N, C-alpha and C. Protein backbone atom coordinates (compact mmCIF):
# COMPACT_ATOMS: atom_id res chain seq x y z
N MET A 1 -56.36 -30.58 80.33
CA MET A 1 -56.08 -29.17 80.13
C MET A 1 -56.04 -28.89 78.62
N ARG A 2 -56.72 -27.83 78.20
CA ARG A 2 -56.77 -27.49 76.78
C ARG A 2 -55.64 -26.54 76.44
N HIS A 3 -55.05 -26.73 75.31
CA HIS A 3 -53.99 -25.85 74.83
C HIS A 3 -54.57 -24.91 73.79
N ILE A 4 -54.34 -23.64 73.98
CA ILE A 4 -54.82 -22.65 73.04
C ILE A 4 -53.63 -22.08 72.30
N LYS A 5 -53.69 -22.13 70.99
CA LYS A 5 -52.60 -21.61 70.18
C LYS A 5 -52.94 -20.16 69.80
N LEU A 6 -52.05 -19.24 70.15
CA LEU A 6 -52.24 -17.84 69.83
C LEU A 6 -51.47 -17.51 68.57
N ASN A 7 -52.12 -16.83 67.66
CA ASN A 7 -51.45 -16.37 66.45
C ASN A 7 -50.88 -14.98 66.71
N MET A 8 -49.60 -14.84 66.56
CA MET A 8 -48.95 -13.55 66.76
C MET A 8 -48.96 -12.77 65.45
N LEU A 9 -49.24 -11.48 65.55
CA LEU A 9 -49.22 -10.60 64.38
C LEU A 9 -47.87 -9.95 64.25
N THR A 10 -47.44 -9.75 63.04
CA THR A 10 -46.24 -8.96 62.81
C THR A 10 -46.65 -7.49 62.85
N LEU A 11 -45.69 -6.61 62.96
CA LEU A 11 -45.97 -5.18 62.96
C LEU A 11 -46.66 -4.77 61.67
N SER A 12 -46.20 -5.31 60.56
CA SER A 12 -46.79 -4.99 59.26
C SER A 12 -48.26 -5.43 59.20
N GLN A 13 -48.56 -6.61 59.71
CA GLN A 13 -49.94 -7.10 59.72
C GLN A 13 -50.82 -6.23 60.61
N LEU A 14 -50.30 -5.83 61.76
CA LEU A 14 -51.05 -4.97 62.66
C LEU A 14 -51.34 -3.62 62.00
N GLU A 15 -50.34 -3.04 61.34
CA GLU A 15 -50.53 -1.76 60.66
C GLU A 15 -51.59 -1.88 59.57
N GLN A 16 -51.56 -2.95 58.81
CA GLN A 16 -52.55 -3.16 57.76
C GLN A 16 -53.96 -3.31 58.34
N HIS A 17 -54.05 -4.05 59.42
CA HIS A 17 -55.35 -4.26 60.06
C HIS A 17 -55.91 -2.93 60.59
N LEU A 18 -55.08 -2.14 61.25
CA LEU A 18 -55.52 -0.85 61.77
C LEU A 18 -55.88 0.12 60.66
N SER A 19 -55.12 0.08 59.58
CA SER A 19 -55.41 0.94 58.43
C SER A 19 -56.77 0.60 57.82
N LYS A 20 -57.05 -0.68 57.68
CA LYS A 20 -58.35 -1.11 57.15
C LYS A 20 -59.49 -0.71 58.08
N ALA A 21 -59.27 -0.86 59.39
CA ALA A 21 -60.29 -0.48 60.36
C ALA A 21 -60.56 1.02 60.30
N ALA A 22 -59.51 1.82 60.19
CA ALA A 22 -59.67 3.28 60.08
C ALA A 22 -60.43 3.64 58.81
N TRP A 23 -60.12 2.96 57.73
CA TRP A 23 -60.81 3.22 56.45
C TRP A 23 -62.30 2.93 56.59
N ILE A 24 -62.64 1.85 57.26
CA ILE A 24 -64.04 1.49 57.46
C ILE A 24 -64.74 2.55 58.31
N LEU A 25 -64.08 3.03 59.37
CA LEU A 25 -64.70 4.00 60.27
C LEU A 25 -64.90 5.37 59.63
N LYS A 26 -63.91 5.84 58.88
CA LYS A 26 -63.99 7.21 58.35
C LYS A 26 -64.57 7.26 56.95
N GLY A 27 -64.55 6.17 56.24
CA GLY A 27 -65.05 6.17 54.88
C GLY A 27 -64.03 6.76 53.92
N PRO A 28 -64.34 6.74 52.65
CA PRO A 28 -63.38 7.26 51.66
C PRO A 28 -63.22 8.78 51.78
N VAL A 29 -62.01 9.24 51.59
CA VAL A 29 -61.70 10.67 51.66
C VAL A 29 -61.06 11.07 50.33
N ASP A 30 -61.56 12.14 49.76
CA ASP A 30 -61.00 12.67 48.53
C ASP A 30 -59.56 13.10 48.77
N ALA A 31 -58.68 12.88 47.82
CA ALA A 31 -57.25 13.21 47.97
C ALA A 31 -57.05 14.68 48.32
N ALA A 32 -57.86 15.57 47.75
CA ALA A 32 -57.71 16.99 48.04
C ALA A 32 -58.10 17.30 49.49
N ASP A 33 -59.05 16.56 50.04
CA ASP A 33 -59.48 16.77 51.42
C ASP A 33 -58.57 16.08 52.44
N PHE A 34 -57.70 15.20 51.96
CA PHE A 34 -56.83 14.45 52.85
C PHE A 34 -55.93 15.37 53.66
N LYS A 35 -55.52 16.50 53.06
CA LYS A 35 -54.64 17.45 53.76
C LYS A 35 -55.31 18.03 54.99
N VAL A 36 -56.66 18.09 55.00
CA VAL A 36 -57.38 18.60 56.16
C VAL A 36 -57.12 17.70 57.37
N TYR A 37 -56.90 16.43 57.15
CA TYR A 37 -56.61 15.49 58.23
C TYR A 37 -55.12 15.47 58.58
N ILE A 38 -54.27 15.52 57.57
CA ILE A 38 -52.84 15.31 57.78
C ILE A 38 -52.12 16.53 58.32
N PHE A 39 -52.37 17.72 57.78
CA PHE A 39 -51.64 18.91 58.21
C PHE A 39 -51.77 19.20 59.70
N PRO A 40 -52.96 19.13 60.28
CA PRO A 40 -53.03 19.34 61.74
C PRO A 40 -52.25 18.29 62.52
N LEU A 41 -52.28 17.04 62.06
CA LEU A 41 -51.51 16.00 62.75
C LEU A 41 -50.01 16.29 62.69
N LEU A 42 -49.54 16.70 61.52
CA LEU A 42 -48.12 17.04 61.38
C LEU A 42 -47.76 18.24 62.26
N PHE A 43 -48.64 19.23 62.30
CA PHE A 43 -48.41 20.41 63.13
C PHE A 43 -48.30 20.03 64.60
N PHE A 44 -49.26 19.26 65.10
CA PHE A 44 -49.24 18.87 66.51
C PHE A 44 -48.06 17.95 66.82
N LYS A 45 -47.67 17.11 65.88
CA LYS A 45 -46.50 16.25 66.07
C LYS A 45 -45.25 17.10 66.22
N ARG A 46 -45.11 18.12 65.38
CA ARG A 46 -43.94 19.00 65.45
C ARG A 46 -43.91 19.76 66.77
N ILE A 47 -45.05 20.28 67.19
CA ILE A 47 -45.11 20.99 68.47
C ILE A 47 -44.70 20.06 69.61
N SER A 48 -45.20 18.85 69.58
CA SER A 48 -44.87 17.87 70.62
C SER A 48 -43.38 17.55 70.62
N ASP A 49 -42.79 17.34 69.44
CA ASP A 49 -41.36 17.04 69.36
C ASP A 49 -40.51 18.18 69.88
N VAL A 50 -40.85 19.42 69.50
CA VAL A 50 -40.09 20.58 69.95
C VAL A 50 -40.21 20.72 71.47
N TYR A 51 -41.41 20.53 72.00
CA TYR A 51 -41.60 20.60 73.44
C TYR A 51 -40.72 19.57 74.15
N ASP A 52 -40.73 18.34 73.66
CA ASP A 52 -39.91 17.29 74.27
C ASP A 52 -38.42 17.64 74.22
N GLU A 53 -37.95 18.15 73.10
CA GLU A 53 -36.54 18.52 72.97
C GLU A 53 -36.18 19.64 73.95
N GLU A 54 -37.01 20.67 74.01
CA GLU A 54 -36.71 21.79 74.90
C GLU A 54 -36.82 21.39 76.37
N TYR A 55 -37.78 20.55 76.70
CA TYR A 55 -37.92 20.07 78.07
C TYR A 55 -36.69 19.28 78.49
N ASN A 56 -36.27 18.35 77.64
CA ASN A 56 -35.10 17.54 77.97
C ASN A 56 -33.83 18.39 78.06
N GLU A 57 -33.71 19.39 77.19
CA GLU A 57 -32.56 20.29 77.25
C GLU A 57 -32.57 21.08 78.55
N ALA A 58 -33.71 21.60 78.94
CA ALA A 58 -33.82 22.37 80.19
C ALA A 58 -33.55 21.47 81.39
N LEU A 59 -34.05 20.25 81.37
CA LEU A 59 -33.82 19.31 82.45
C LEU A 59 -32.34 18.98 82.57
N SER A 60 -31.70 18.76 81.43
CA SER A 60 -30.26 18.46 81.42
C SER A 60 -29.46 19.64 81.96
N GLU A 61 -29.81 20.84 81.53
CA GLU A 61 -29.10 22.05 82.00
C GLU A 61 -29.32 22.24 83.50
N SER A 62 -30.52 22.01 83.97
CA SER A 62 -30.83 22.13 85.39
C SER A 62 -30.02 21.13 86.22
N THR A 63 -29.92 19.91 85.71
CA THR A 63 -29.16 18.88 86.40
C THR A 63 -27.68 19.25 86.46
N ARG A 64 -27.14 19.77 85.36
CA ARG A 64 -25.73 20.19 85.35
C ARG A 64 -25.49 21.30 86.36
N ARG A 65 -26.40 22.27 86.44
CA ARG A 65 -26.25 23.37 87.40
C ARG A 65 -26.29 22.86 88.83
N THR A 66 -27.18 21.92 89.10
CA THR A 66 -27.28 21.35 90.44
C THR A 66 -25.99 20.64 90.82
N ILE A 67 -25.45 19.87 89.90
CA ILE A 67 -24.20 19.14 90.16
C ILE A 67 -23.05 20.12 90.40
N LEU A 68 -22.96 21.16 89.56
CA LEU A 68 -21.89 22.15 89.74
C LEU A 68 -22.04 22.90 91.05
N THR A 69 -23.24 23.24 91.44
CA THR A 69 -23.47 23.95 92.70
C THR A 69 -23.07 23.08 93.88
N GLU A 70 -23.44 21.83 93.85
CA GLU A 70 -23.09 20.91 94.93
C GLU A 70 -21.58 20.69 94.98
N TYR A 71 -20.91 20.66 93.84
CA TYR A 71 -19.48 20.45 93.78
C TYR A 71 -18.74 21.65 94.35
N ASN A 72 -19.22 22.86 94.06
CA ASN A 72 -18.55 24.08 94.53
C ASN A 72 -18.76 24.36 96.00
N GLU A 73 -19.75 23.74 96.61
CA GLU A 73 -20.01 23.98 98.04
C GLU A 73 -19.13 23.18 98.88
């Protein structure tokens, strides 16, 4: 039986590898044009975070109402 040794990557190594791969795929980007890529990502991230917060808050409130209704019956 052959033993295969797997090399585990650290998170930092994985991030560096993915960053290099992205650089190869997209090519160099001028610093002034970089905002064209980043601002939409930040915008969509914020929308997603707000949606998650409001969804969880509504779910929590709904659960509390259900518990109170069942308790009062």
